[in-house]
């Protein structure tokens, strides 16, 4: 339980497939070891057998179905509605919270103008070493902290979804996560966290979004996500997502961080990979940049008024 003046916190874990059962067990267990957790809510995204299995395994927890449209955003919004705490924290179902994970997130909320805090994610690779296809600048592809992010606590435009926390009232004021953006099942769309962070700042310009790298989780990376095809596919859909955000929120807010990343971080990473005899890493950076650009252009050319990311994904060309 929380002590002193720390805000109460509900931790929400969203799950959609039994294939991640072992990871989900680890995720829930790691949150149970966080003394600051006032409540744990597990949201199952339209998978009845998984819902029944989790309810049997953890009868003491609040295990509920996603009441909204299928997808991560709807599942998260369900968790926010059921949360009873001042702060709502989110942990991915394939992530394991380290010691002090929640405490470090909550410490950043000491300032009343902080409305969201994100932590760092370290990859748990399927093999012993980081694959050459994913240089440090591209770890966002597998949902992990990447080169270009701050190394100490700092204000940022947005935080990553693997490990994050929001003031519940502020999140509800902007309508929660947009179901028209974000991941749906295995379709690697993104940007729902970016969108909600931008909306929080637009709703109250004095609001602060903070990155706290001392709050650490381990994020499982499966073998299918360390391939050239996944790199291309994930980067393409990131471009599609950012195209949608540019239309809805304006390119200035939607692409501010990306412009600096493309102009400075990626060229330096590609040069380092080449200089150190790793042409595959440089090629991966080039492929990711190209695929994201193609995805952005595709989203700009194929949208219709009111169209959603998921609609674009349904119509997108096959990307094996």
C-alpha atoms as a PDB file:
ATOM      1  CA  UNK A   1       0.000   0.000   0.000  1.00  0.00           C
ATOM      2  CA  UNK A   2       1.058   3.601  -0.436  1.00  0.00           C
ATOM      3  CA  UNK A   3       2.415   5.586   2.468  1.00  0.00           C
ATOM      4  CA  UNK A   4       2.735   9.250   3.398  1.00  0.00           C
ATOM      5  CA  UNK A   5       1.647  11.742   0.785  1.00  0.00           C
ATOM      6  CA  UNK A   6       2.309   9.503  -2.226  1.00  0.00           C
ATOM      7  CA  UNK A   7      -0.670   9.192  -4.560  1.00  0.00           C
ATOM      8  CA  UNK A   8      -2.531   5.904  -4.696  1.00  0.00           C
ATOM      9  CA  UNK A   9      -1.843   3.932  -7.865  1.00  0.00           C
ATOM     10  CA  UNK A  10      -3.692   1.290  -9.854  1.00  0.00           C
ATOM     11  CA  UNK A  11      -1.556  -0.848 -12.154  1.00  0.00           C
ATOM     12  CA  UNK A  12      -3.284  -1.988 -15.353  1.00  0.00           C
ATOM     13  CA  UNK A  13      -2.007  -4.926 -17.401  1.00  0.00           C
ATOM     14  CA  UNK A  14      -3.699  -5.601 -20.744  1.00  0.00           C
ATOM     15  CA  UNK A  15      -3.501  -9.027 -22.404  1.00  0.00           C
ATOM     16  CA  UNK A  16      -4.970 -10.472 -25.591  1.00  0.00           C
ATOM     17  CA  UNK A  17      -3.453 -13.921 -26.221  1.00  0.00           C
ATOM     18  CA  UNK A  18      -2.692 -17.128 -24.332  1.00  0.00           C
ATOM     19  CA  UNK A  19       0.569 -17.392 -26.288  1.00  0.00           C
ATOM     20  CA  UNK A  20       2.053 -14.928 -23.808  1.00  0.00           C
ATOM     21  CA  UNK A  21       0.871 -16.802 -20.733  1.00  0.00           C
ATOM     22  CA  UNK A  22       4.306 -17.284 -19.166  1.00  0.00           C
ATOM     23  CA  UNK A  23       5.124 -13.614 -19.751  1.00  0.00           C
ATOM     24  CA  UNK A  24       1.798 -12.558 -18.245  1.00  0.00           C
ATOM     25  CA  UNK A  25       2.487 -14.622 -15.128  1.00  0.00           C
ATOM     26  CA  UNK A  26       5.828 -12.860 -14.727  1.00  0.00           C
ATOM     27  CA  UNK A  27       4.258  -9.442 -15.330  1.00  0.00           C
ATOM     28  CA  UNK A  28       1.557  -9.909 -12.700  1.00  0.00           C
ATOM     29  CA  UNK A  29       4.014 -11.388 -10.208  1.00  0.00           C
ATOM     30  CA  UNK A  30       6.411  -8.479 -10.660  1.00  0.00           C
ATOM     31  CA  UNK A  31       3.644  -5.941 -10.009  1.00  0.00           C
ATOM     32  CA  UNK A  32       2.497  -7.886  -6.942  1.00  0.00           C
ATOM     33  CA  UNK A  33       5.983  -7.318  -5.500  1.00  0.00           C
ATOM     34  CA  UNK A  34       5.666  -3.517  -5.804  1.00  0.00           C
ATOM     35  CA  UNK A  35       4.640  -2.271  -2.336  1.00  0.00           C
ATOM     36  CA  UNK A  36       3.242   0.971  -3.808  1.00  0.00           C
ATOM     37  CA  UNK A  37       0.573  -0.810  -5.865  1.00  0.00           C
ATOM     38  CA  UNK A  38      -2.842  -0.079  -4.348  1.00  0.00           C
ATOM     39  CA  UNK A  39      -4.701  -2.183  -6.907  1.00  0.00           C
ATOM     40  CA  UNK A  40      -3.986  -4.446  -9.887  1.00  0.00           C
ATOM     41  CA  UNK A  41      -6.423  -4.572 -12.813  1.00  0.00           C
ATOM     42  CA  UNK A  42      -5.951  -7.108 -15.610  1.00  0.00           C
ATOM     43  CA  UNK A  43      -7.917  -6.352 -18.791  1.00  0.00           C
ATOM     44  CA  UNK A  44      -8.453  -9.141 -21.326  1.00  0.00           C
ATOM     45  CA  UNK A  45      -8.959  -7.946 -24.892  1.00  0.00           C
ATOM     46  CA  UNK A  46     -11.814 -10.005 -26.354  1.00  0.00           C
ATOM     47  CA  UNK A  47     -10.368 -13.458 -25.595  1.00  0.00           C
ATOM     48  CA  UNK A  48     -12.860 -15.371 -23.451  1.00  0.00           C
ATOM     49  CA  UNK A  49     -10.695 -18.397 -22.715  1.00  0.00           C
ATOM     50  CA  UNK A  50      -7.842 -16.210 -21.530  1.00  0.00           C
ATOM     51  CA  UNK A  51     -10.283 -14.226 -19.386  1.00  0.00           C
ATOM     52  CA  UNK A  52     -11.501 -17.391 -17.663  1.00  0.00           C
ATOM     53  CA  UNK A  53      -7.972 -18.677 -17.185  1.00  0.00           C
ATOM     54  CA  UNK A  54      -6.713 -15.458 -15.602  1.00  0.00           C
ATOM     55  CA  UNK A  55      -9.773 -15.199 -13.336  1.00  0.00           C
ATOM     56  CA  UNK A  56      -9.132 -18.743 -12.099  1.00  0.00           C
ATOM     57  CA  UNK A  57      -5.429 -18.128 -11.569  1.00  0.00           C
ATOM     58  CA  UNK A  58      -5.822 -14.812  -9.703  1.00  0.00           C
ATOM     59  CA  UNK A  59      -9.261 -14.668  -8.030  1.00  0.00           C
ATOM     60  CA  UNK A  60      -7.972 -11.918  -5.725  1.00  0.00           C
ATOM     61  CA  UNK A  61      -7.348  -9.515  -8.628  1.00  0.00           C
ATOM     62  CA  UNK A  62      -9.760  -7.393 -10.614  1.00  0.00           C
ATOM     63  CA  UNK A  63      -9.773  -9.305 -13.934  1.00  0.00           C
ATOM     64  CA  UNK A  64     -12.180  -7.836 -16.484  1.00  0.00           C
ATOM     65  CA  UNK A  65     -12.948  -7.939 -20.218  1.00  0.00           C
ATOM     66  CA  UNK A  66     -12.323  -5.030 -22.549  1.00  0.00           C
ATOM     67  CA  UNK A  67     -15.720  -3.292 -22.786  1.00  0.00           C
ATOM     68  CA  UNK A  68     -14.746  -1.253 -25.839  1.00  0.00           C
ATOM     69  CA  UNK A  69     -13.655  -1.989 -29.402  1.00  0.00           C
ATOM     70  CA  UNK A  70     -10.966  -4.628 -29.750  1.00  0.00           C
ATOM     71  CA  UNK A  71      -7.471  -3.187 -29.413  1.00  0.00           C
ATOM     72  CA  UNK A  72      -4.961  -1.973 -26.863  1.00  0.00           C
ATOM     73  CA  UNK A  73      -6.468   1.500 -26.569  1.00  0.00           C
ATOM     74  CA  UNK A  74      -9.897   0.120 -25.701  1.00  0.00           C
ATOM     75  CA  UNK A  75      -8.390  -2.282 -23.177  1.00  0.00           C
ATOM     76  CA  UNK A  76      -6.446   0.515 -21.515  1.00  0.00           C
ATOM     77  CA  UNK A  77      -9.540   2.719 -21.352  1.00  0.00           C
ATOM     78  CA  UNK A  78     -11.414  -0.127 -19.690  1.00  0.00           C
ATOM     79  CA  UNK A  79      -8.674  -0.305 -17.069  1.00  0.00           C
ATOM     80  CA  UNK A  80      -8.791   3.448 -16.494  1.00  0.00           C
ATOM     81  CA  UNK A  81     -12.564   3.332 -15.960  1.00  0.00           C
ATOM     82  CA  UNK A  82     -12.236   0.585 -13.352  1.00  0.00           C
ATOM     83  CA  UNK A  83      -9.251   2.129 -11.553  1.00  0.00           C
ATOM     84  CA  UNK A  84      -9.945   3.578  -8.134  1.00  0.00           C
ATOM     85  CA  UNK A  85      -6.638   5.402  -7.609  1.00  0.00           C
ATOM     86  CA  UNK A  86      -5.200   8.857  -8.265  1.00  0.00           C
ATOM     87  CA  UNK A  87      -2.601   7.480 -10.673  1.00  0.00           C
ATOM     88  CA  UNK A  88      -3.012   4.735 -13.274  1.00  0.00           C
ATOM     89  CA  UNK A  89       0.149   2.887 -14.299  1.00  0.00           C
ATOM     90  CA  UNK A  90       0.418   0.544 -17.276  1.00  0.00           C
ATOM     91  CA  UNK A  91       2.715  -2.434 -17.751  1.00  0.00           C
ATOM     92  CA  UNK A  92       2.788  -4.532 -20.919  1.00  0.00           C
ATOM     93  CA  UNK A  93       1.811  -8.178 -20.560  1.00  0.00           C
ATOM     94  CA  UNK A  94       5.254  -9.241 -21.835  1.00  0.00           C
ATOM     95  CA  UNK A  95       7.226  -6.969 -19.487  1.00  0.00           C
ATOM     96  CA  UNK A  96       8.593  -7.619 -16.008  1.00  0.00           C
ATOM     97  CA  UNK A  97       8.843  -4.736 -13.548  1.00  0.00           C
ATOM     98  CA  UNK A  98      12.143  -4.365 -11.748  1.00  0.00           C
ATOM     99  CA  UNK A  99      12.613  -3.525  -8.090  1.00  0.00           C
ATOM    100  CA  UNK A 100      11.541   0.042  -7.433  1.00  0.00           C
ATOM    101  CA  UNK A 101       9.759   0.345 -10.791  1.00  0.00           C
ATOM    102  CA  UNK A 102       6.593   1.864  -9.382  1.00  0.00           C
ATOM    103  CA  UNK A 103       8.318   3.907  -6.694  1.00  0.00           C
ATOM    104  CA  UNK A 104      10.445   5.713  -9.287  1.00  0.00           C
ATOM    105  CA  UNK A 105       7.400   6.471 -11.436  1.00  0.00           C
ATOM    106  CA  UNK A 106       5.483   7.859  -8.466  1.00  0.00           C
ATOM    107  CA  UNK A 107       8.384  10.008  -7.241  1.00  0.00           C
ATOM    108  CA  UNK A 108       8.189  12.039 -10.439  1.00  0.00           C
ATOM    109  CA  UNK A 109       4.586  12.975  -9.601  1.00  0.00           C
ATOM    110  CA  UNK A 110       5.758  15.050  -6.616  1.00  0.00           C
ATOM    111  CA  UNK A 111       5.435  18.092  -8.859  1.00  0.00           C
ATOM    112  CA  UNK A 112       1.711  18.857  -9.355  1.00  0.00           C
ATOM    113  CA  UNK A 113       2.185  19.877 -12.993  1.00  0.00           C
ATOM    114  CA  UNK A 114       3.470  16.416 -13.948  1.00  0.00           C
ATOM    115  CA  UNK A 115       0.586  14.510 -15.558  1.00  0.00           C
ATOM    116  CA  UNK A 116       2.434  11.524 -17.047  1.00  0.00           C
ATOM    117  CA  UNK A 117       5.639   9.620 -16.341  1.00  0.00           C
ATOM    118  CA  UNK A 118       7.322   6.926 -18.402  1.00  0.00           C
ATOM    119  CA  UNK A 119      10.032   4.468 -17.464  1.00  0.00           C
ATOM    120  CA  UNK A 120      12.772   2.712 -19.382  1.00  0.00           C
ATOM    121  CA  UNK A 121      12.528  -0.740 -20.937  1.00  0.00           C
ATOM    122  CA  UNK A 122      15.476  -3.070 -21.374  1.00  0.00           C
ATOM    123  CA  UNK A 123      15.163  -5.797 -23.983  1.00  0.00           C
ATOM    124  CA  UNK A 124      15.196  -9.450 -22.995  1.00  0.00           C
ATOM    125  CA  UNK A 125      16.550 -10.979 -26.195  1.00  0.00           C
ATOM    126  CA  UNK A 126      15.675 -14.463 -27.484  1.00  0.00           C
ATOM    127  CA  UNK A 127      19.432 -15.145 -27.708  1.00  0.00           C
ATOM    128  CA  UNK A 128      22.358 -14.049 -25.566  1.00  0.00           C
ATOM    129  CA  UNK A 129      23.320 -10.926 -27.499  1.00  0.00           C
ATOM    130  CA  UNK A 130      21.544  -8.033 -29.174  1.00  0.00           C
ATOM    131  CA  UNK A 131      21.023  -8.898 -32.859  1.00  0.00           C
ATOM    132  CA  UNK A 132      22.964  -6.758 -35.324  1.00  0.00           C
ATOM    133  CA  UNK A 133      19.725  -5.949 -37.143  1.00  0.00           C
ATOM    134  CA  UNK A 134      18.694  -3.729 -34.224  1.00  0.00           C
ATOM    135  CA  UNK A 135      21.301  -1.103 -33.359  1.00  0.00           C
ATOM    136  CA  UNK A 136      20.543   0.921 -30.208  1.00  0.00           C
ATOM    137  CA  UNK A 137      18.813   3.665 -32.217  1.00  0.00           C
ATOM    138  CA  UNK A 138      16.155   1.186 -33.382  1.00  0.00           C
ATOM    139  CA  UNK A 139      15.187  -0.440 -30.089  1.00  0.00           C
ATOM    140  CA  UNK A 140      11.862   1.418 -30.229  1.00  0.00           C
ATOM    141  CA  UNK A 141      10.922  -1.169 -32.882  1.00  0.00           C
ATOM    142  CA  UNK A 142      10.683  -3.768 -30.098  1.00  0.00           C
ATOM    143  CA  UNK A 143       9.200  -1.371 -27.545  1.00  0.00           C
ATOM    144  CA  UNK A 144      12.409  -0.625 -25.653  1.00  0.00           C
ATOM    145  CA  UNK A 145      14.403   2.430 -24.666  1.00  0.00           C
ATOM    146  CA  UNK A 146      16.570   3.576 -27.558  1.00  0.00           C
ATOM    147  CA  UNK A 147      19.526   5.866 -28.179  1.00  0.00           C
ATOM    148  CA  UNK A 148      18.223   9.396 -28.449  1.00  0.00           C
ATOM    149  CA  UNK A 149      16.116   9.276 -25.296  1.00  0.00           C
ATOM    150  CA  UNK A 150      17.304  11.088 -22.133  1.00  0.00           C
ATOM    151  CA  UNK A 151      19.634   9.252 -19.758  1.00  0.00           C
ATOM    152  CA  UNK A 152      18.441  11.144 -16.670  1.00  0.00           C
ATOM    153  CA  UNK A 153      15.004  12.347 -15.584  1.00  0.00           C
ATOM    154  CA  UNK A 154      13.792  14.871 -18.142  1.00  0.00           C
ATOM    155  CA  UNK A 155      10.697  16.397 -19.685  1.00  0.00           C
ATOM    156  CA  UNK A 156       9.753  14.780 -23.003  1.00  0.00           C
ATOM    157  CA  UNK A 157       7.015  15.088 -25.602  1.00  0.00           C
ATOM    158  CA  UNK A 158       5.717  11.561 -25.029  1.00  0.00           C
ATOM    159  CA  UNK A 159       6.442   8.343 -23.189  1.00  0.00           C
ATOM    160  CA  UNK A 160       6.453   4.715 -24.353  1.00  0.00           C
ATOM    161  CA  UNK A 161       3.564   2.379 -23.637  1.00  0.00           C
ATOM    162  CA  UNK A 162       5.522  -0.514 -22.165  1.00  0.00           C
ATOM    163  CA  UNK A 163       5.903   1.278 -18.823  1.00  0.00           C
ATOM    164  CA  UNK A 164       4.013   4.470 -18.035  1.00  0.00           C
ATOM    165  CA  UNK A 165       1.730   6.190 -15.530  1.00  0.00           C
ATOM    166  CA  UNK A 166      -0.832   9.011 -15.721  1.00  0.00           C
ATOM    167  CA  UNK A 167      -2.871  11.110 -13.356  1.00  0.00           C
ATOM    168  CA  UNK A 168      -6.243   9.473 -13.838  1.00  0.00           C
ATOM    169  CA  UNK A 169      -8.218  12.720 -13.829  1.00  0.00           C
ATOM    170  CA  UNK A 170      -6.002  14.297 -16.506  1.00  0.00           C
ATOM    171  CA  UNK A 171      -6.215  11.188 -18.686  1.00  0.00           C
ATOM    172  CA  UNK A 172      -9.992  11.104 -18.435  1.00  0.00           C
ATOM    173  CA  UNK A 173     -10.226  14.822 -19.232  1.00  0.00           C
ATOM    174  CA  UNK A 174      -8.786  14.179 -22.705  1.00  0.00           C
ATOM    175  CA  UNK A 175     -10.953  11.106 -23.304  1.00  0.00           C
ATOM    176  CA  UNK A 176      -8.325   8.459 -22.625  1.00  0.00           C
ATOM    177  CA  UNK A 177      -6.612   6.582 -25.456  1.00  0.00           C
ATOM    178  CA  UNK A 178      -7.972   6.917 -28.973  1.00  0.00           C
ATOM    179  CA  UNK A 179      -9.320   3.546 -30.221  1.00  0.00           C
ATOM    180  CA  UNK A 180      -8.593   4.676 -33.785  1.00  0.00           C
ATOM    181  CA  UNK A 181      -4.861   4.576 -33.090  1.00  0.00           C
ATOM    182  CA  UNK A 182      -2.625   1.970 -31.553  1.00  0.00           C
ATOM    183  CA  UNK A 183      -2.071  -1.748 -31.803  1.00  0.00           C
ATOM    184  CA  UNK A 184      -4.898  -4.134 -32.665  1.00  0.00           C
ATOM    185  CA  UNK A 185      -3.840  -7.734 -32.054  1.00  0.00           C
ATOM    186  CA  UNK A 186      -0.665  -8.369 -34.028  1.00  0.00           C
ATOM    187  CA  UNK A 187      -1.015  -5.326 -36.343  1.00  0.00           C
ATOM    188  CA  UNK A 188       1.982  -3.199 -35.265  1.00  0.00           C
ATOM    189  CA  UNK A 189       0.355   0.217 -35.328  1.00  0.00           C
ATOM    190  CA  UNK A 190       1.422   2.690 -32.700  1.00  0.00           C
ATOM    191  CA  UNK A 191       1.399   6.309 -31.553  1.00  0.00           C
ATOM    192  CA  UNK A 192      -1.537   6.091 -29.144  1.00  0.00           C
ATOM    193  CA  UNK A 193       0.760   7.104 -26.269  1.00  0.00           C
ATOM    194  CA  UNK A 194       2.187   9.947 -28.361  1.00  0.00           C
ATOM    195  CA  UNK A 195      -1.303  11.172 -29.171  1.00  0.00           C
ATOM    196  CA  UNK A 196      -2.559  11.168 -25.607  1.00  0.00           C
ATOM    197  CA  UNK A 197       0.572  12.939 -24.347  1.00  0.00           C
ATOM    198  CA  UNK A 198       0.180  15.668 -26.966  1.00  0.00           C
ATOM    199  CA  UNK A 199      -3.496  16.039 -26.045  1.00  0.00           C
ATOM    200  CA  UNK A 200      -2.579  16.393 -22.372  1.00  0.00           C
ATOM    201  CA  UNK A 201      -0.256  19.279 -23.224  1.00  0.00           C
ATOM    202  CA  UNK A 202      -2.779  20.876 -25.554  1.00  0.00           C
ATOM    203  CA  UNK A 203      -5.493  20.586 -22.899  1.00  0.00           C
ATOM    204  CA  UNK A 204      -3.267  22.247 -20.276  1.00  0.00           C
ATOM    205  CA  UNK A 205      -0.071  23.763 -21.719  1.00  0.00           C
ATOM    206  CA  UNK A 206       1.623  23.884 -18.311  1.00  0.00           C
ATOM    207  CA  UNK A 207       1.399  20.101 -18.026  1.00  0.00           C
ATOM    208  CA  UNK A 208       4.646  18.148 -17.985  1.00  0.00           C
ATOM    209  CA  UNK A 209       5.420  14.706 -19.412  1.00  0.00           C
ATOM    210  CA  UNK A 210       8.443  13.147 -17.715  1.00  0.00           C
ATOM    211  CA  UNK A 211      10.805  10.308 -18.616  1.00  0.00           C
ATOM    212  CA  UNK A 212      12.338   8.576 -15.588  1.00  0.00           C
ATOM    213  CA  UNK A 213      15.006   6.069 -16.717  1.00  0.00           C
ATOM    214  CA  UNK A 214      15.530   4.756 -13.177  1.00  0.00           C
ATOM    215  CA  UNK A 215      12.121   3.088 -13.413  1.00  0.00           C
ATOM    216  CA  UNK A 216      13.094  -0.087 -15.258  1.00  0.00           C
ATOM    217  CA  UNK A 217      11.248  -3.020 -16.793  1.00  0.00           C
ATOM    218  CA  UNK A 218      12.525  -5.977 -18.778  1.00  0.00           C
ATOM    219  CA  UNK A 219      10.645  -6.337 -22.066  1.00  0.00           C
ATOM    220  CA  UNK A 220      10.515  -9.714 -23.797  1.00  0.00           C
ATOM    221  CA  UNK A 221      11.600  -9.696 -27.446  1.00  0.00           C
ATOM    222  CA  UNK A 222      10.455 -12.740 -29.413  1.00  0.00           C
ATOM    223  CA  UNK A 223      12.347 -14.255 -32.339  1.00  0.00           C
ATOM    224  CA  UNK A 224       9.821 -13.045 -34.897  1.00  0.00           C
ATOM    225  CA  UNK A 225      10.618  -9.436 -33.925  1.00  0.00           C
ATOM    226  CA  UNK A 226      14.329  -9.606 -34.711  1.00  0.00           C
ATOM    227  CA  UNK A 227      13.873 -10.164 -38.434  1.00  0.00           C
ATOM    228  CA  UNK A 228      14.191  -7.868 -41.430  1.00  0.00           C
ATOM    229  CA  UNK A 229      10.543  -8.398 -42.296  1.00  0.00           C
ATOM    230  CA  UNK A 230       9.323  -7.288 -38.853  1.00  0.00           C
ATOM    231  CA  UNK A 231      11.635  -4.269 -38.910  1.00  0.00           C
ATOM    232  CA  UNK A 232      10.201  -3.244 -42.250  1.00  0.00           C
ATOM    233  CA  UNK A 233       6.603  -3.907 -41.203  1.00  0.00           C
ATOM    234  CA  UNK A 234       6.845  -2.172 -37.833  1.00  0.00           C
ATOM    235  CA  UNK A 235       8.548   0.871 -39.349  1.00  0.00           C
ATOM    236  CA  UNK A 236       5.958   1.090 -42.136  1.00  0.00           C
ATOM    237  CA  UNK A 237       3.045   1.092 -39.704  1.00  0.00           C
ATOM    238  CA  UNK A 238       4.804   3.633 -37.499  1.00  0.00           C
ATOM    239  CA  UNK A 239       4.823   5.889 -40.536  1.00  0.00           C
ATOM    240  CA  UNK A 240       1.114   5.222 -41.111  1.00  0.00           C
ATOM    241  CA  UNK A 241       0.400   6.099 -37.473  1.00  0.00           C
ATOM    242  CA  UNK A 242       2.427   9.314 -37.546  1.00  0.00           C
ATOM    243  CA  UNK A 243       0.649  10.357 -40.745  1.00  0.00           C
ATOM    244  CA  UNK A 244      -2.683  10.024 -38.948  1.00  0.00           C
ATOM    245  CA  UNK A 245      -1.389  12.052 -35.984  1.00  0.00           C
ATOM    246  CA  UNK A 246      -0.110  14.780 -38.271  1.00  0.00           C
ATOM    247  CA  UNK A 247      -3.601  15.189 -39.717  1.00  0.00           C
ATOM    248  CA  UNK A 248      -5.412  15.176 -36.386  1.00  0.00           C
ATOM    249  CA  UNK A 249      -2.967  17.101 -34.178  1.00  0.00           C
ATOM    250  CA  UNK A 250      -0.788  19.017 -36.626  1.00  0.00           C
ATOM    251  CA  UNK A 251       2.652  18.108 -37.952  1.00  0.00           C
ATOM    252  CA  UNK A 252       4.410  20.482 -35.553  1.00  0.00           C
ATOM    253  CA  UNK A 253       3.374  18.479 -32.479  1.00  0.00           C
ATOM    254  CA  UNK A 254       3.189  15.070 -34.152  1.00  0.00           C
ATOM    255  CA  UNK A 255       6.668  15.145 -35.716  1.00  0.00           C
ATOM    256  CA  UNK A 256       8.755  17.445 -33.494  1.00  0.00           C
ATOM    257  CA  UNK A 257      10.733  14.642 -31.819  1.00  0.00           C
ATOM    258  CA  UNK A 258      10.949  12.588 -35.012  1.00  0.00           C
ATOM    259  CA  UNK A 259      12.599  15.403 -36.956  1.00  0.00           C
ATOM    260  CA  UNK A 260      15.445  15.650 -34.450  1.00  0.00           C
ATOM    261  CA  UNK A 261      15.750  11.861 -34.357  1.00  0.00           C
ATOM    262  CA  UNK A 262      15.984  11.614 -38.154  1.00  0.00           C
ATOM    263  CA  UNK A 263      18.380  14.543 -38.581  1.00  0.00           C
ATOM    264  CA  UNK A 264      20.819  13.775 -35.777  1.00  0.00           C
ATOM    265  CA  UNK A 265      20.378  10.413 -34.063  1.00  0.00           C
ATOM    266  CA  UNK A 266      19.951   8.118 -37.063  1.00  0.00           C
ATOM    267  CA  UNK A 267      22.855   9.525 -39.157  1.00  0.00           C
ATOM    268  CA  UNK A 268      25.215   9.252 -36.193  1.00  0.00           C
ATOM    269  CA  UNK A 269      24.075   5.685 -35.570  1.00  0.00           C
ATOM    270  CA  UNK A 270      24.518   4.666 -39.199  1.00  0.00           C
ATOM    271  CA  UNK A 271      28.000   6.215 -39.328  1.00  0.00           C
ATOM    272  CA  UNK A 272      29.023   4.411 -36.118  1.00  0.00           C
ATOM    273  CA  UNK A 273      27.785   1.070 -37.438  1.00  0.00           C
ATOM    274  CA  UNK A 274      29.768   1.506 -40.648  1.00  0.00           C
ATOM    275  CA  UNK A 275      32.884   2.732 -38.837  1.00  0.00           C
ATOM    276  CA  UNK A 276      32.816  -0.271 -36.516  1.00  0.00           C
ATOM    277  CA  UNK A 277      32.412  -2.777 -39.329  1.00  0.00           C
ATOM    278  CA  UNK A 278      28.706  -3.486 -38.913  1.00  0.00           C
ATOM    279  CA  UNK A 279      27.151  -2.686 -42.305  1.00  0.00           C
ATOM    280  CA  UNK A 280      24.052  -4.672 -41.374  1.00  0.00           C
ATOM    281  CA  UNK A 281      23.257  -2.189 -38.592  1.00  0.00           C
ATOM    282  CA  UNK A 282      23.603   0.743 -40.968  1.00  0.00           C
ATOM    283  CA  UNK A 283      21.396  -1.048 -43.507  1.00  0.00           C
ATOM    284  CA  UNK A 284      18.771  -1.634 -40.792  1.00  0.00           C
ATOM    285  CA  UNK A 285      18.686   2.093 -39.974  1.00  0.00           C
ATOM    286  CA  UNK A 286      18.288   2.927 -43.653  1.00  0.00           C
ATOM    287  CA  UNK A 287      15.530   0.334 -44.124  1.00  0.00           C
ATOM    288  CA  UNK A 288      13.608   1.542 -41.079  1.00  0.00           C
ATOM    289  CA  UNK A 289      13.785   5.149 -42.217  1.00  0.00           C
ATOM    290  CA  UNK A 290      12.704   4.246 -45.750  1.00  0.00           C
ATOM    291  CA  UNK A 291       9.815   2.040 -44.584  1.00  0.00           C
ATOM    292  CA  UNK A 292       8.562   4.695 -42.176  1.00  0.00           C
ATOM    293  CA  UNK A 293       8.681   7.279 -44.945  1.00  0.00           C
ATOM    294  CA  UNK A 294       6.722   4.997 -47.278  1.00  0.00           C
ATOM    295  CA  UNK A 295       4.177   4.362 -44.521  1.00  0.00           C
ATOM    296  CA  UNK A 296       3.797   8.077 -43.879  1.00  0.00           C
ATOM    297  CA  UNK A 297       3.228   8.736 -47.574  1.00  0.00           C
ATOM    298  CA  UNK A 298       0.779   5.827 -47.809  1.00  0.00           C
ATOM    299  CA  UNK A 299      -1.213   7.182 -44.884  1.00  0.00           C
ATOM    300  CA  UNK A 300      -1.293  10.663 -46.386  1.00  0.00           C
ATOM    301  CA  UNK A 301      -2.457   9.417 -49.792  1.00  0.00           C
ATOM    302  CA  UNK A 302      -5.035   6.851 -48.703  1.00  0.00           C
ATOM    303  CA  UNK A 303      -6.829   8.525 -45.824  1.00  0.00           C
ATOM    304  CA  UNK A 304     -10.401   9.686 -46.025  1.00  0.00           C
ATOM    305  CA  UNK A 305     -12.082  12.157 -43.647  1.00  0.00           C
ATOM    306  CA  UNK A 306     -12.543  10.441 -40.299  1.00  0.00           C
ATOM    307  CA  UNK A 307     -10.598   7.352 -41.363  1.00  0.00           C
ATOM    308  CA  UNK A 308      -8.857   5.414 -38.638  1.00  0.00           C
ATOM    309  CA  UNK A 309      -5.454   3.819 -38.419  1.00  0.00           C
ATOM    310  CA  UNK A 310      -7.068   0.415 -38.284  1.00  0.00           C
ATOM    311  CA  UNK A 311      -8.857   1.127 -41.559  1.00  0.00           C
ATOM    312  CA  UNK A 312      -5.555   2.059 -43.157  1.00  0.00           C
ATOM    313  CA  UNK A 313      -4.024  -1.128 -41.828  1.00  0.00           C
ATOM    314  CA  UNK A 314      -6.796  -3.217 -43.339  1.00  0.00           C
ATOM    315  CA  UNK A 315      -6.182  -1.637 -46.748  1.00  0.00           C
ATOM    316  CA  UNK A 316      -2.392  -1.545 -46.576  1.00  0.00           C
ATOM    317  CA  UNK A 317      -0.301  -3.678 -48.947  1.00  0.00           C
ATOM    318  CA  UNK A 318       0.852  -7.061 -47.670  1.00  0.00           C
ATOM    319  CA  UNK A 319       4.014  -6.762 -45.575  1.00  0.00           C
ATOM    320  CA  UNK A 320       5.196 -10.256 -44.642  1.00  0.00           C
END
